[in-house]
Amino acid sequence: MNFLHLRYFLMVAEELNITRAAERLYISQQSLSNHISNMERELDVKLFTRSPKLSLTYAGDLLVQTATQILDLYNQYMTKVGDINRHYLGVLRVGISHTCGLALLPAVLPQFRTEFPMVEFALYEGNSTQLEDELSHGRVDLIICFQPIMVAGVTTVPLTEQRLVMVVPKPFTDQRFGIHADEVRLQYAQGADISAFQQFPFVLIKRGNRTRNIVDQYFSRYYFKPQLILETENTVTTLAMAQAGMGITICPELFLRAIPNAPEDSAGVDLFPLTDPSTFSKLVAGYRRDRYLSHFGERFIAMAQEAM
């Protein structure tokens, strides 16, 4: 049994379907079945039950854990050797939210690819909870998210401090303040009074997102109950809805880089920052202290700091 066999086994264990696993591995279904059968004969155990559908046995489930650890240790060792020899070969696996990636990666990846052309960049996108799970299980090398990271044993590197910004369709401001709208815009550019928009609809990211948690705590602090007309998993969608005049949204100022271009018939949006200290949050890179972080992983973090 070798590393190839372990990789093949883990792919079948992930898919629980020989045909799909073979397609992802670019080998024939028969060849993959033979690999699994050979492993079972060598170990003298059944790794999968075949009926009524493919599923892991107890021995197979144990091998998933063991094979994952073996391959992870091997990959860490090869990364260390690459750093020692300055070959800089390997893969950097980064976890980041979709919107944060949209705002950050275009500024970082071109430089990273130029400096490390032989390093494969693998991206995992998810919310904060999903990113933390990927990091804790060693499926990514580092994550970029807002503090706090709710996983023990993680080293964090600050990238930037972000404040939350209200993205308000301009017609809402005009409707609310009339002839004084421009005067209020200048005032609110230094800090918004959210209570002024109590009667207007809001479009927010769904609960469970770290930014939404901060927003909800802010609402609670000021006894503000928004008129929610839409919740979504994607901040870009909330920004597009604000741009279309559907409702007010709130997001970190970094995410404004991802705001879509205004349609020709759009009146645009006003950007009003929130100044309460509770609405400030730190964007960080986090990696596990018990795992080796490659030189190119450290450089990626440094590039992200520079980009911020």
C-alpha atoms as a PDB file:
ATOM      1  CA  MET A   1       0.000   0.000   0.000  1.00  0.00           C
ATOM      2  CA  ASN A   2       1.376   3.435  -0.947  1.00  0.00           C
ATOM      3  CA  PHE A   3       0.371   7.091  -1.003  1.00  0.00           C
ATOM      4  CA  LEU A   4      -1.423   6.647  -4.325  1.00  0.00           C
ATOM      5  CA  HIS A   5      -3.590   3.889  -2.891  1.00  0.00           C
ATOM      6  CA  LEU A   6      -4.459   6.083   0.090  1.00  0.00           C
ATOM      7  CA  ARG A   7      -5.424   8.985  -2.174  1.00  0.00           C
ATOM      8  CA  TYR A   8      -7.602   6.700  -4.294  1.00  0.00           C
ATOM      9  CA  PHE A   9      -9.247   5.274  -1.185  1.00  0.00           C
ATOM     10  CA  LEU A  10      -9.992   8.746   0.239  1.00  0.00           C
ATOM     11  CA  MET A  11     -11.585   9.842  -3.022  1.00  0.00           C
ATOM     12  CA  VAL A  12     -13.909   6.819  -2.993  1.00  0.00           C
ATOM     13  CA  ALA A  13     -14.662   7.442   0.689  1.00  0.00           C
ATOM     14  CA  GLU A  14     -15.564  11.040  -0.121  1.00  0.00           C
ATOM     15  CA  GLU A  15     -17.768  10.282  -3.113  1.00  0.00           C
ATOM     16  CA  LEU A  16     -19.119   6.883  -1.988  1.00  0.00           C
ATOM     17  CA  ASN A  17     -19.527   6.264  -5.682  1.00  0.00           C
ATOM     18  CA  ILE A  18     -16.906   4.432  -7.758  1.00  0.00           C
ATOM     19  CA  THR A  19     -17.952   6.044 -11.039  1.00  0.00           C
ATOM     20  CA  ARG A  20     -17.741   9.632  -9.769  1.00  0.00           C
ATOM     21  CA  ALA A  21     -14.499   8.940  -7.899  1.00  0.00           C
ATOM     22  CA  ALA A  22     -12.925   7.418 -11.010  1.00  0.00           C
ATOM     23  CA  GLU A  23     -13.961  10.430 -13.097  1.00  0.00           C
ATOM     24  CA  ARG A  24     -12.374  12.823 -10.597  1.00  0.00           C
ATOM     25  CA  LEU A  25      -9.188  10.736 -10.536  1.00  0.00           C
ATOM     26  CA  TYR A  26      -9.091  10.427 -14.367  1.00  0.00           C
ATOM     27  CA  ILE A  27      -8.761   6.636 -14.220  1.00  0.00           C
ATOM     28  CA  SER A  28     -11.108   3.855 -15.276  1.00  0.00           C
ATOM     29  CA  GLN A  29     -13.778   2.575 -12.955  1.00  0.00           C
ATOM     30  CA  GLN A  30     -12.334  -0.950 -13.221  1.00  0.00           C
ATOM     31  CA  SER A  31      -8.832   0.233 -12.320  1.00  0.00           C
ATOM     32  CA  LEU A  32     -10.127   2.071  -9.248  1.00  0.00           C
ATOM     33  CA  SER A  33     -12.176  -0.942  -8.148  1.00  0.00           C
ATOM     34  CA  ASN A  34      -9.051  -3.106  -8.466  1.00  0.00           C
ATOM     35  CA  HIS A  35      -7.055  -0.685  -6.290  1.00  0.00           C
ATOM     36  CA  ILE A  36      -9.692  -0.846  -3.554  1.00  0.00           C
ATOM     37  CA  SER A  37      -9.945  -4.640  -3.773  1.00  0.00           C
ATOM     38  CA  ASN A  38      -6.145  -4.972  -3.541  1.00  0.00           C
ATOM     39  CA  MET A  39      -6.107  -2.769  -0.440  1.00  0.00           C
ATOM     40  CA  GLU A  40      -8.806  -4.906   1.180  1.00  0.00           C
ATOM     41  CA  ARG A  41      -6.845  -8.074   0.460  1.00  0.00           C
ATOM     42  CA  GLU A  42      -3.613  -6.566   1.800  1.00  0.00           C
ATOM     43  CA  LEU A  43      -5.304  -5.343   5.002  1.00  0.00           C
ATOM     44  CA  ASP A  44      -7.527  -8.428   5.262  1.00  0.00           C
ATOM     45  CA  VAL A  45     -10.605  -6.287   6.015  1.00  0.00           C
ATOM     46  CA  LYS A  46     -13.569  -4.933   4.128  1.00  0.00           C
ATOM     47  CA  LEU A  47     -13.301  -1.158   3.710  1.00  0.00           C
ATOM     48  CA  PHE A  48     -16.688  -0.715   2.032  1.00  0.00           C
ATOM     49  CA  THR A  49     -20.020  -2.454   1.986  1.00  0.00           C
ATOM     50  CA  ARG A  50     -21.329  -2.669  -1.566  1.00  0.00           C
ATOM     51  CA  SER A  51     -25.023  -3.265  -0.931  1.00  0.00           C
ATOM     52  CA  PRO A  52     -27.582  -1.743  -0.909  1.00  0.00           C
ATOM     53  CA  LYS A  53     -25.256   1.172  -1.634  1.00  0.00           C
ATOM     54  CA  LEU A  54     -21.555   1.903  -1.174  1.00  0.00           C
ATOM     55  CA  SER A  55     -20.732   2.845   2.414  1.00  0.00           C
ATOM     56  CA  LEU A  56     -17.745   2.733   4.730  1.00  0.00           C
ATOM     57  CA  THR A  57     -17.287  -0.110   7.179  1.00  0.00           C
ATOM     58  CA  TYR A  58     -15.894   0.525  10.654  1.00  0.00           C
ATOM     59  CA  ALA A  59     -12.425  -0.421   9.368  1.00  0.00           C
ATOM     60  CA  GLY A  60     -12.910   1.889   6.395  1.00  0.00           C
ATOM     61  CA  ASP A  61     -13.916   4.764   8.636  1.00  0.00           C
ATOM     62  CA  LEU A  62     -10.757   4.236  10.713  1.00  0.00           C
ATOM     63  CA  LEU A  63      -8.668   4.229   7.542  1.00  0.00           C
ATOM     64  CA  VAL A  64     -10.162   7.569   6.475  1.00  0.00           C
ATOM     65  CA  GLN A  65      -8.818   9.141   9.666  1.00  0.00           C
ATOM     66  CA  THR A  66      -5.448   7.373   9.424  1.00  0.00           C
ATOM     67  CA  ALA A  67      -4.941   7.984   5.697  1.00  0.00           C
ATOM     68  CA  THR A  68      -5.818  11.674   6.110  1.00  0.00           C
ATOM     69  CA  GLN A  69      -3.212  12.022   8.865  1.00  0.00           C
ATOM     70  CA  ILE A  70      -0.554  10.112   6.892  1.00  0.00           C
ATOM     71  CA  LEU A  71      -1.009  12.174   3.735  1.00  0.00           C
ATOM     72  CA  ASP A  72      -1.165  15.401   5.731  1.00  0.00           C
ATOM     73  CA  LEU A  73       2.141  14.602   7.495  1.00  0.00           C
ATOM     74  CA  TYR A  74       3.688  13.676   4.150  1.00  0.00           C
ATOM     75  CA  ASN A  75       2.518  16.915   2.553  1.00  0.00           C
ATOM     76  CA  GLN A  76       3.858  18.929   5.495  1.00  0.00           C
ATOM     77  CA  TYR A  77       7.210  17.156   5.195  1.00  0.00           C
ATOM     78  CA  MET A  78       7.420  17.802   1.446  1.00  0.00           C
ATOM     79  CA  THR A  79       6.587  21.471   2.076  1.00  0.00           C
ATOM     80  CA  LYS A  80       9.424  21.713   4.615  1.00  0.00           C
ATOM     81  CA  VAL A  81      11.846  20.061   2.177  1.00  0.00           C
ATOM     82  CA  GLY A  82      10.738  22.439  -0.562  1.00  0.00           C
ATOM     83  CA  ASP A  83      11.405  25.394   1.703  1.00  0.00           C
ATOM     84  CA  ILE A  84      14.821  24.001   2.693  1.00  0.00           C
ATOM     85  CA  ASN A  85      15.818  23.548  -0.956  1.00  0.00           C
ATOM     86  CA  ARG A  86      14.100  26.776  -2.057  1.00  0.00           C
ATOM     87  CA  HIS A  87      12.221  24.814  -4.710  1.00  0.00           C
ATOM     88  CA  TYR A  88       8.899  26.257  -3.545  1.00  0.00           C
ATOM     89  CA  LEU A  89       6.847  23.462  -4.997  1.00  0.00           C
ATOM     90  CA  GLY A  90       3.549  22.391  -3.537  1.00  0.00           C
ATOM     91  CA  VAL A  91       0.092  23.727  -2.879  1.00  0.00           C
ATOM     92  CA  LEU A  92      -1.218  26.575  -0.747  1.00  0.00           C
ATOM     93  CA  ARG A  93      -4.790  25.968   0.426  1.00  0.00           C
ATOM     94  CA  VAL A  94      -6.559  29.145   1.508  1.00  0.00           C
ATOM     95  CA  GLY A  95     -10.020  29.496   3.041  1.00  0.00           C
ATOM     96  CA  ILE A  96     -11.833  32.794   2.570  1.00  0.00           C
ATOM     97  CA  SER A  97     -15.377  34.088   2.219  1.00  0.00           C
ATOM     98  CA  HIS A  98     -16.664  34.736  -1.296  1.00  0.00           C
ATOM     99  CA  THR A  99     -16.974  38.489  -0.815  1.00  0.00           C
ATOM    100  CA  CYS A 100     -13.667  38.877   1.004  1.00  0.00           C
ATOM    101  CA  GLY A 101     -12.011  36.874  -1.758  1.00  0.00           C
ATOM    102  CA  LEU A 102     -13.596  39.085  -4.378  1.00  0.00           C
ATOM    103  CA  ALA A 103     -12.212  42.158  -2.615  1.00  0.00           C
ATOM    104  CA  LEU A 104      -8.757  40.798  -1.735  1.00  0.00           C
ATOM    105  CA  LEU A 105      -7.596  38.115  -4.152  1.00  0.00           C
ATOM    106  CA  PRO A 106      -7.392  40.235  -7.336  1.00  0.00           C
ATOM    107  CA  ALA A 107      -4.854  42.414  -5.498  1.00  0.00           C
ATOM    108  CA  VAL A 108      -2.816  39.482  -4.139  1.00  0.00           C
ATOM    109  CA  LEU A 109      -2.940  36.492  -6.494  1.00  0.00           C
ATOM    110  CA  PRO A 110      -1.166  38.028  -9.519  1.00  0.00           C
ATOM    111  CA  GLN A 111       1.834  38.938  -7.333  1.00  0.00           C
ATOM    112  CA  PHE A 112       1.742  35.545  -5.622  1.00  0.00           C
ATOM    113  CA  ARG A 113       1.693  33.699  -8.968  1.00  0.00           C
ATOM    114  CA  THR A 114       4.617  35.777 -10.221  1.00  0.00           C
ATOM    115  CA  GLU A 115       6.707  35.073  -7.122  1.00  0.00           C
ATOM    116  CA  PHE A 116       5.746  31.390  -6.824  1.00  0.00           C
ATOM    117  CA  PRO A 117       4.889  30.101 -10.313  1.00  0.00           C
ATOM    118  CA  MET A 118       5.353  26.451  -9.300  1.00  0.00           C
ATOM    119  CA  VAL A 119       2.977  26.611  -6.320  1.00  0.00           C
ATOM    120  CA  GLU A 120      -0.605  25.512  -6.886  1.00  0.00           C
ATOM    121  CA  PHE A 121      -3.181  27.794  -5.263  1.00  0.00           C
ATOM    122  CA  ALA A 122      -6.295  26.015  -3.965  1.00  0.00           C
ATOM    123  CA  LEU A 123      -9.240  28.108  -2.792  1.00  0.00           C
ATOM    124  CA  TYR A 124     -11.997  27.124  -0.371  1.00  0.00           C
ATOM    125  CA  GLU A 125     -14.905  29.545   0.009  1.00  0.00           C
ATOM    126  CA  GLY A 126     -17.348  29.503   2.897  1.00  0.00           C
ATOM    127  CA  ASN A 127     -18.671  31.409   5.887  1.00  0.00           C
ATOM    128  CA  SER A 128     -16.663  31.867   9.084  1.00  0.00           C
ATOM    129  CA  THR A 129     -17.898  28.652  10.713  1.00  0.00           C
ATOM    130  CA  GLN A 130     -17.131  26.596   7.614  1.00  0.00           C
ATOM    131  CA  LEU A 131     -13.665  28.133   7.291  1.00  0.00           C
ATOM    132  CA  GLU A 132     -12.864  27.343  10.919  1.00  0.00           C
ATOM    133  CA  ASP A 133     -13.953  23.740  10.385  1.00  0.00           C
ATOM    134  CA  GLU A 134     -11.693  23.401   7.335  1.00  0.00           C
ATOM    135  CA  LEU A 135      -8.765  24.841   9.305  1.00  0.00           C
ATOM    136  CA  SER A 136      -9.308  22.666  12.379  1.00  0.00           C
ATOM    137  CA  HIS A 137      -9.363  19.527  10.228  1.00  0.00           C
ATOM    138  CA  GLY A 138      -6.251  20.507   8.284  1.00  0.00           C
ATOM    139  CA  ARG A 139      -8.030  20.807   4.963  1.00  0.00           C
ATOM    140  CA  VAL A 140      -6.736  24.359   4.462  1.00  0.00           C
ATOM    141  CA  ASP A 141      -3.375  25.849   5.440  1.00  0.00           C
ATOM    142  CA  LEU A 142      -4.735  29.241   6.446  1.00  0.00           C
ATOM    143  CA  ILE A 143      -7.950  31.201   6.522  1.00  0.00           C
ATOM    144  CA  ILE A 144      -8.753  34.873   6.138  1.00  0.00           C
ATOM    145  CA  CYS A 145     -11.740  36.052   8.146  1.00  0.00           C
ATOM    146  CA  PHE A 146     -12.910  38.489  10.777  1.00  0.00           C
ATOM    147  CA  GLN A 147     -12.071  37.949  14.434  1.00  0.00           C
ATOM    148  CA  PRO A 148     -12.761  36.186  16.660  1.00  0.00           C
ATOM    149  CA  ILE A 149     -11.622  32.801  15.332  1.00  0.00           C
ATOM    150  CA  MET A 150     -13.426  30.256  17.481  1.00  0.00           C
ATOM    151  CA  VAL A 151     -10.808  27.510  17.150  1.00  0.00           C
ATOM    152  CA  ALA A 152      -8.113  26.814  19.747  1.00  0.00           C
ATOM    153  CA  GLY A 153      -4.427  26.777  18.851  1.00  0.00           C
ATOM    154  CA  VAL A 154      -4.625  29.280  15.998  1.00  0.00           C
ATOM    155  CA  THR A 155      -2.063  32.012  15.373  1.00  0.00           C
ATOM    156  CA  THR A 156      -3.621  35.166  13.912  1.00  0.00           C
ATOM    157  CA  VAL A 157      -1.913  37.879  11.882  1.00  0.00           C
ATOM    158  CA  PRO A 158      -3.801  41.201  11.641  1.00  0.00           C
ATOM    159  CA  LEU A 159      -4.450  42.430   8.101  1.00  0.00           C
ATOM    160  CA  THR A 160      -6.643  45.491   8.657  1.00  0.00           C
ATOM    161  CA  GLU A 161      -9.292  46.935  10.939  1.00  0.00           C
ATOM    162  CA  GLN A 162     -12.633  47.441   9.273  1.00  0.00           C
ATOM    163  CA  ARG A 163     -15.669  49.503  10.213  1.00  0.00           C
ATOM    164  CA  LEU A 164     -19.184  48.707   9.080  1.00  0.00           C
ATOM    165  CA  VAL A 165     -20.792  50.932   6.481  1.00  0.00           C
ATOM    166  CA  MET A 166     -24.464  51.519   5.754  1.00  0.00           C
ATOM    167  CA  VAL A 167     -25.122  51.323   2.009  1.00  0.00           C
ATOM    168  CA  VAL A 168     -28.239  53.439   1.489  1.00  0.00           C
ATOM    169  CA  PRO A 169     -29.986  53.994  -1.855  1.00  0.00           C
ATOM    170  CA  LYS A 170     -29.789  57.727  -2.552  1.00  0.00           C
ATOM    171  CA  PRO A 171     -33.578  58.017  -3.073  1.00  0.00           C
ATOM    172  CA  PHE A 172     -34.028  56.840   0.535  1.00  0.00           C
ATOM    173  CA  THR A 173     -31.843  59.685   1.800  1.00  0.00           C
ATOM    174  CA  ASP A 174     -33.661  62.168  -0.427  1.00  0.00           C
ATOM    175  CA  GLN A 175     -37.058  60.900   0.732  1.00  0.00           C
ATOM    176  CA  ARG A 176     -36.119  60.966   4.413  1.00  0.00           C
ATOM    177  CA  PHE A 177     -34.440  64.396   4.548  1.00  0.00           C
ATOM    178  CA  GLY A 178     -35.911  66.291   1.569  1.00  0.00           C
ATOM    179  CA  ILE A 179     -34.230  69.621   0.928  1.00  0.00           C
ATOM    180  CA  HIS A 180     -31.721  68.909   3.713  1.00  0.00           C
ATOM    181  CA  ALA A 181     -30.502  65.645   2.121  1.00  0.00           C
ATOM    182  CA  ASP A 182     -27.164  66.995   0.887  1.00  0.00           C
ATOM    183  CA  GLU A 183     -26.468  68.608   4.245  1.00  0.00           C
ATOM    184  CA  VAL A 184     -27.214  65.290   6.007  1.00  0.00           C
ATOM    185  CA  ARG A 185     -25.004  63.393   3.563  1.00  0.00           C
ATOM    186  CA  LEU A 186     -22.026  65.507   4.629  1.00  0.00           C
ATOM    187  CA  GLN A 187     -22.893  64.958   8.280  1.00  0.00           C
ATOM    188  CA  TYR A 188     -23.469  61.195   7.948  1.00  0.00           C
ATOM    189  CA  ALA A 189     -20.233  60.760   5.997  1.00  0.00           C
ATOM    190  CA  GLN A 190     -18.595  61.109   9.416  1.00  0.00           C
ATOM    191  CA  GLY A 191     -21.009  58.737  11.129  1.00  0.00           C
ATOM    192  CA  ALA A 192     -24.603  57.685  10.526  1.00  0.00           C
ATOM    193  CA  ASP A 193     -27.623  57.831  12.806  1.00  0.00           C
ATOM    194  CA  ILE A 194     -29.286  54.522  11.996  1.00  0.00           C
ATOM    195  CA  SER A 195     -32.505  55.479  13.789  1.00  0.00           C
ATOM    196  CA  ALA A 196     -33.237  57.908  10.952  1.00  0.00           C
ATOM    197  CA  PHE A 197     -33.857  54.935   8.655  1.00  0.00           C
ATOM    198  CA  GLN A 198     -36.264  53.016  10.887  1.00  0.00           C
ATOM    199  CA  GLN A 199     -39.043  53.145   8.287  1.00  0.00           C
ATOM    200  CA  PHE A 200     -36.971  51.875   5.352  1.00  0.00           C
ATOM    201  CA  PRO A 201     -36.437  48.274   4.148  1.00  0.00           C
ATOM    202  CA  PHE A 202     -33.183  46.405   4.815  1.00  0.00           C
ATOM    203  CA  VAL A 203     -31.404  43.638   2.909  1.00  0.00           C
ATOM    204  CA  LEU A 204     -28.930  41.729   5.081  1.00  0.00           C
ATOM    205  CA  ILE A 205     -26.605  38.758   5.062  1.00  0.00           C
ATOM    206  CA  LYS A 206     -28.152  35.721   6.788  1.00  0.00           C
ATOM    207  CA  ARG A 207     -27.737  35.022  10.484  1.00  0.00           C
ATOM    208  CA  GLY A 208     -24.737  32.878  11.396  1.00  0.00           C
ATOM    209  CA  ASN A 209     -22.370  35.065   9.407  1.00  0.00           C
ATOM    210  CA  ARG A 210     -19.856  36.857  11.656  1.00  0.00           C
ATOM    211  CA  THR A 211     -20.651  40.269  10.163  1.00  0.00           C
ATOM    212  CA  ARG A 212     -24.370  39.663  10.695  1.00  0.00           C
ATOM    213  CA  ASN A 213     -23.680  38.820  14.340  1.00  0.00           C
ATOM    214  CA  ILE A 214     -21.979  42.199  14.800  1.00  0.00           C
ATOM    215  CA  VAL A 215     -24.839  43.974  13.003  1.00  0.00           C
ATOM    216  CA  ASP A 216     -27.470  42.263  15.165  1.00  0.00           C
ATOM    217  CA  GLN A 217     -25.611  43.231  18.346  1.00  0.00           C
ATOM    218  CA  TYR A 218     -25.472  46.818  17.075  1.00  0.00           C
ATOM    219  CA  PHE A 219     -29.220  46.786  16.384  1.00  0.00           C
ATOM    220  CA  SER A 220     -29.854  45.461  19.875  1.00  0.00           C
ATOM    221  CA  ARG A 221     -27.645  48.099  21.473  1.00  0.00           C
ATOM    222  CA  TYR A 222     -29.651  50.895  19.815  1.00  0.00           C
ATOM    223  CA  TYR A 223     -33.071  49.173  20.125  1.00  0.00           C
ATOM    224  CA  PHE A 224     -33.356  49.197  16.345  1.00  0.00           C
ATOM    225  CA  LYS A 225     -35.604  46.678  14.608  1.00  0.00           C
ATOM    226  CA  PRO A 226     -34.985  46.674  10.844  1.00  0.00           C
ATOM    227  CA  GLN A 227     -37.693  46.021   8.299  1.00  0.00           C
ATOM    228  CA  LEU A 228     -36.066  42.987   6.710  1.00  0.00           C
ATOM    229  CA  ILE A 229     -37.255  42.249   3.178  1.00  0.00           C
ATOM    230  CA  LEU A 230     -34.462  39.860   2.182  1.00  0.00           C
ATOM    231  CA  GLU A 231     -31.711  37.757   3.758  1.00  0.00           C
ATOM    232  CA  THR A 232     -29.049  36.099   1.619  1.00  0.00           C
ATOM    233  CA  GLU A 233     -25.804  34.130   1.970  1.00  0.00           C
ATOM    234  CA  ASN A 234     -23.998  36.463  -0.427  1.00  0.00           C
ATOM    235  CA  THR A 235     -22.912  40.005   0.460  1.00  0.00           C
ATOM    236  CA  VAL A 236     -22.589  40.852  -3.241  1.00  0.00           C
ATOM    237  CA  THR A 237     -26.323  40.208  -3.560  1.00  0.00           C
ATOM    238  CA  THR A 238     -27.096  42.616  -0.715  1.00  0.00           C
ATOM    239  CA  LEU A 239     -24.919  45.255  -2.377  1.00  0.00           C
ATOM    240  CA  ALA A 240     -26.652  44.710  -5.716  1.00  0.00           C
ATOM    241  CA  MET A 241     -30.054  45.077  -4.043  1.00  0.00           C
ATOM    242  CA  ALA A 242     -28.960  48.350  -2.434  1.00  0.00           C
ATOM    243  CA  GLN A 243     -27.629  49.530  -5.783  1.00  0.00           C
ATOM    244  CA  ALA A 244     -31.002  48.684  -7.335  1.00  0.00           C
ATOM    245  CA  GLY A 245     -32.798  50.744  -4.696  1.00  0.00           C
ATOM    246  CA  MET A 246     -34.439  47.748  -2.991  1.00  0.00           C
ATOM    247  CA  GLY A 247     -33.139  48.284   0.524  1.00  0.00           C
ATOM    248  CA  ILE A 248     -30.357  49.348   2.874  1.00  0.00           C
ATOM    249  CA  THR A 249     -27.536  46.948   3.650  1.00  0.00           C
ATOM    250  CA  ILE A 250     -24.581  46.996   6.053  1.00  0.00           C
ATOM    251  CA  CYS A 251     -21.176  45.515   5.340  1.00  0.00           C
ATOM    252  CA  PRO A 252     -17.467  45.961   6.155  1.00  0.00           C
ATOM    253  CA  GLU A 253     -15.909  48.785   4.150  1.00  0.00           C
ATOM    254  CA  LEU A 254     -13.536  46.303   2.486  1.00  0.00           C
ATOM    255  CA  PHE A 255     -16.524  44.681   0.797  1.00  0.00           C
ATOM    256  CA  LEU A 256     -17.380  47.935  -0.965  1.00  0.00           C
ATOM    257  CA  ARG A 257     -14.705  46.921  -3.465  1.00  0.00           C
ATOM    258  CA  ALA A 258     -17.164  44.234  -4.550  1.00  0.00           C
ATOM    259  CA  ILE A 259     -20.090  46.592  -5.067  1.00  0.00           C
ATOM    260  CA  PRO A 260     -21.492  46.059  -8.586  1.00  0.00           C
ATOM    261  CA  ASN A 261     -21.500  48.810 -11.164  1.00  0.00           C
ATOM    262  CA  ALA A 262     -24.634  50.905 -10.999  1.00  0.00           C
ATOM    263  CA  PRO A 263     -27.207  50.362 -13.753  1.00  0.00           C
ATOM    264  CA  GLU A 264     -27.678  53.337 -16.062  1.00  0.00           C
ATOM    265  CA  ASP A 265     -31.064  54.107 -14.505  1.00  0.00           C
ATOM    266  CA  SER A 266     -29.788  53.774 -10.922  1.00  0.00           C
ATOM    267  CA  ALA A 267     -29.648  56.793  -8.639  1.00  0.00           C
ATOM    268  CA  GLY A 268     -26.682  55.265  -6.801  1.00  0.00           C
ATOM    269  CA  VAL A 269     -26.019  54.758  -3.108  1.00  0.00           C
ATOM    270  CA  ASP A 270     -24.828  56.747  -0.112  1.00  0.00           C
ATOM    271  CA  LEU A 271     -22.083  55.265   2.081  1.00  0.00           C
ATOM    272  CA  PHE A 272     -22.533  56.122   5.744  1.00  0.00           C
ATOM    273  CA  PRO A 273     -20.043  54.591   8.233  1.00  0.00           C
ATOM    274  CA  LEU A 274     -21.113  53.386  11.664  1.00  0.00           C
ATOM    275  CA  THR A 275     -18.908  54.779  14.407  1.00  0.00           C
ATOM    276  CA  ASP A 276     -19.876  52.698  17.422  1.00  0.00           C
ATOM    277  CA  PRO A 277     -16.757  50.795  18.623  1.00  0.00           C
ATOM    278  CA  SER A 278     -18.751  47.554  18.573  1.00  0.00           C
ATOM    279  CA  THR A 279     -18.980  47.796  14.773  1.00  0.00           C
ATOM    280  CA  PHE A 280     -15.222  47.766  14.247  1.00  0.00           C
ATOM    281  CA  SER A 281     -13.702  44.369  13.484  1.00  0.00           C
ATOM    282  CA  LYS A 282     -10.272  43.053  12.586  1.00  0.00           C
ATOM    283  CA  LEU A 283      -9.629  41.090   9.428  1.00  0.00           C
ATOM    284  CA  VAL A 284      -6.957  38.486  10.149  1.00  0.00           C
ATOM    285  CA  ALA A 285      -5.124  35.570   8.612  1.00  0.00           C
ATOM    286  CA  GLY A 286      -5.166  32.503  10.834  1.00  0.00           C
ATOM    287  CA  TYR A 287      -3.178  29.266  10.765  1.00  0.00           C
ATOM    288  CA  ARG A 288      -2.722  26.377  13.173  1.00  0.00           C
ATOM    289  CA  ARG A 289       0.306  26.566  15.467  1.00  0.00           C
ATOM    290  CA  ASP A 290       0.776  22.787  15.375  1.00  0.00           C
ATOM    291  CA  ARG A 291       1.145  22.704  11.591  1.00  0.00           C
ATOM    292  CA  TYR A 292       4.045  23.849   9.467  1.00  0.00           C
ATOM    293  CA  LEU A 293       3.240  26.944   7.432  1.00  0.00           C
ATOM    294  CA  SER A 294       5.331  27.123   4.278  1.00  0.00           C
ATOM    295  CA  HIS A 295       7.430  30.082   3.271  1.00  0.00           C
ATOM    296  CA  PHE A 296       5.007  30.776   0.426  1.00  0.00           C
ATOM    297  CA  GLY A 297       2.147  30.665   2.946  1.00  0.00           C
ATOM    298  CA  GLU A 298       3.917  33.308   5.023  1.00  0.00           C
ATOM    299  CA  ARG A 299       4.518  35.381   1.899  1.00  0.00           C
ATOM    300  CA  PHE A 300       0.839  35.158   0.954  1.00  0.00           C
ATOM    301  CA  ILE A 301      -0.086  36.621   4.350  1.00  0.00           C
ATOM    302  CA  ALA A 302       2.517  39.377   3.933  1.00  0.00           C
ATOM    303  CA  MET A 303       1.113  40.212   0.488  1.00  0.00           C
ATOM    304  CA  ALA A 304      -2.396  40.379   1.949  1.00  0.00           C
ATOM    305  CA  GLN A 305      -1.151  42.809   4.617  1.00  0.00           C
ATOM    306  CA  GLU A 306       0.379  44.987   1.928  1.00  0.00           C
ATOM    307  CA  ALA A 307      -2.804  44.894  -0.141  1.00  0.00           C
ATOM    308  CA  MET A 308      -4.844  46.031   2.835  1.00  0.00           C
END
